[in-house]
Amino acid sequence: MKTKLIIAAIAAFFIAGCEMTEAERAEARKWLAKDATSHIVETSITLSDGREITCLAYDDSYAGGLSCDWYNTQQPK
């Protein structure tokens, strides 16, 4: 999941139309890898029906997000 977040952030730079040199791209990759991992936390959430689901939470001072592993969650009984 961390890799997907980093790839998405790098892709956002290219989609935004920013012209970057290769050195700037390398620096952006280093910064994103370091910065993103400092804001990602793995957490477990218990749903109201008792199922537990593993999630990754991204929390920055002005942005955030939650991604949960629904594929490996048990079906409700």
Protein backbone atom coordinates (compact mmCIF):
# COMPACT_ATOMS: atom_id res chain seq x y z
CA MET A 1 0.00 0.00 0.00
CA LYS A 2 2.84 2.38 0.81
CA THR A 3 4.26 1.81 -2.65
CA LYS A 4 0.91 2.63 -4.26
CA LEU A 5 0.73 5.88 -2.30
CA ILE A 6 4.22 6.90 -3.40
CA ILE A 7 3.49 5.98 -7.03
CA ALA A 8 0.23 7.95 -6.92
CA ALA A 9 1.99 11.01 -5.51
CA ILE A 10 4.70 10.87 -8.17
CA ALA A 11 2.09 10.39 -10.88
CA ALA A 12 0.27 13.46 -9.58
CA PHE A 13 3.39 15.54 -10.25
CA PHE A 14 3.47 14.39 -13.87
CA ILE A 15 -0.27 14.76 -14.45
CA ALA A 16 -0.20 18.29 -13.06
CA GLY A 17 1.95 19.33 -16.02
CA CYS A 18 5.04 20.21 -14.02
CA GLU A 19 8.19 20.05 -16.07
CA MET A 20 10.84 18.48 -13.84
CA THR A 21 14.43 17.56 -14.56
CA GLU A 22 15.61 14.04 -13.75
CA ALA A 23 17.46 15.38 -10.70
CA GLU A 24 14.27 17.07 -9.46
CA ARG A 25 12.32 13.85 -10.00
CA ALA A 26 14.89 11.87 -7.99
CA GLU A 27 14.73 14.42 -5.18
CA ALA A 28 10.92 14.33 -5.21
CA ARG A 29 10.95 10.52 -4.99
CA LYS A 30 13.30 10.63 -1.99
CA TRP A 31 11.18 13.27 -0.25
CA LEU A 32 7.92 11.43 -0.93
CA ALA A 33 9.28 8.12 0.32
CA LYS A 34 10.52 9.70 3.54
CA ASP A 35 7.54 11.99 4.13
CA ALA A 36 4.77 9.51 3.28
CA THR A 37 6.03 6.79 5.61
CA SER A 38 6.17 9.19 8.55
CA HIS A 39 2.42 9.85 8.19
CA ILE A 40 1.13 6.30 7.58
CA VAL A 41 -0.15 4.22 10.48
CA GLU A 42 -1.52 0.66 10.45
CA THR A 43 -4.63 0.28 12.57
CA SER A 44 -7.26 -2.32 13.28
CA ILE A 45 -10.92 -1.33 13.35
CA THR A 46 -13.69 -3.40 14.96
CA LEU A 47 -16.97 -3.07 13.08
CA SER A 48 -20.35 -3.00 14.85
CA ASP A 49 -20.98 -6.65 13.89
CA GLY A 50 -17.74 -7.72 15.61
CA ARG A 51 -15.56 -8.17 12.51
CA GLU A 52 -12.04 -6.76 12.65
CA ILE A 53 -10.53 -5.07 9.63
CA THR A 54 -6.97 -3.90 9.06
CA CYS A 55 -6.56 -0.39 7.69
CA LEU A 56 -3.82 2.05 6.79
CA ALA A 57 -4.43 5.64 7.82
CA TYR A 58 -2.60 8.59 6.28
CA ASP A 59 -2.67 11.66 8.47
CA ASP A 60 -1.00 14.92 7.59
CA SER A 61 -1.78 18.31 9.07
CA TYR A 62 -4.03 19.25 6.13
CA ALA A 63 -4.85 15.95 4.42
CA GLY A 64 -5.65 12.38 5.29
CA GLY A 65 -7.13 9.17 4.11
CA LEU A 66 -8.07 5.64 5.08
CA SER A 67 -7.61 2.44 3.12
CA CYS A 68 -8.92 -0.85 4.51
CA ASP A 69 -8.32 -4.48 3.56
CA TRP A 70 -11.91 -5.49 2.77
CA TYR A 71 -10.78 -8.45 0.66
CA ASN A 72 -9.37 -10.36 3.65
CA THR A 73 -12.17 -9.43 6.08
CA GLN A 74 -14.47 -12.20 7.25
CA GLN A 75 -18.02 -12.23 5.97
CA PRO A 76 -20.68 -11.18 8.53
CA LYS A 77 -22.43 -14.04 10.27
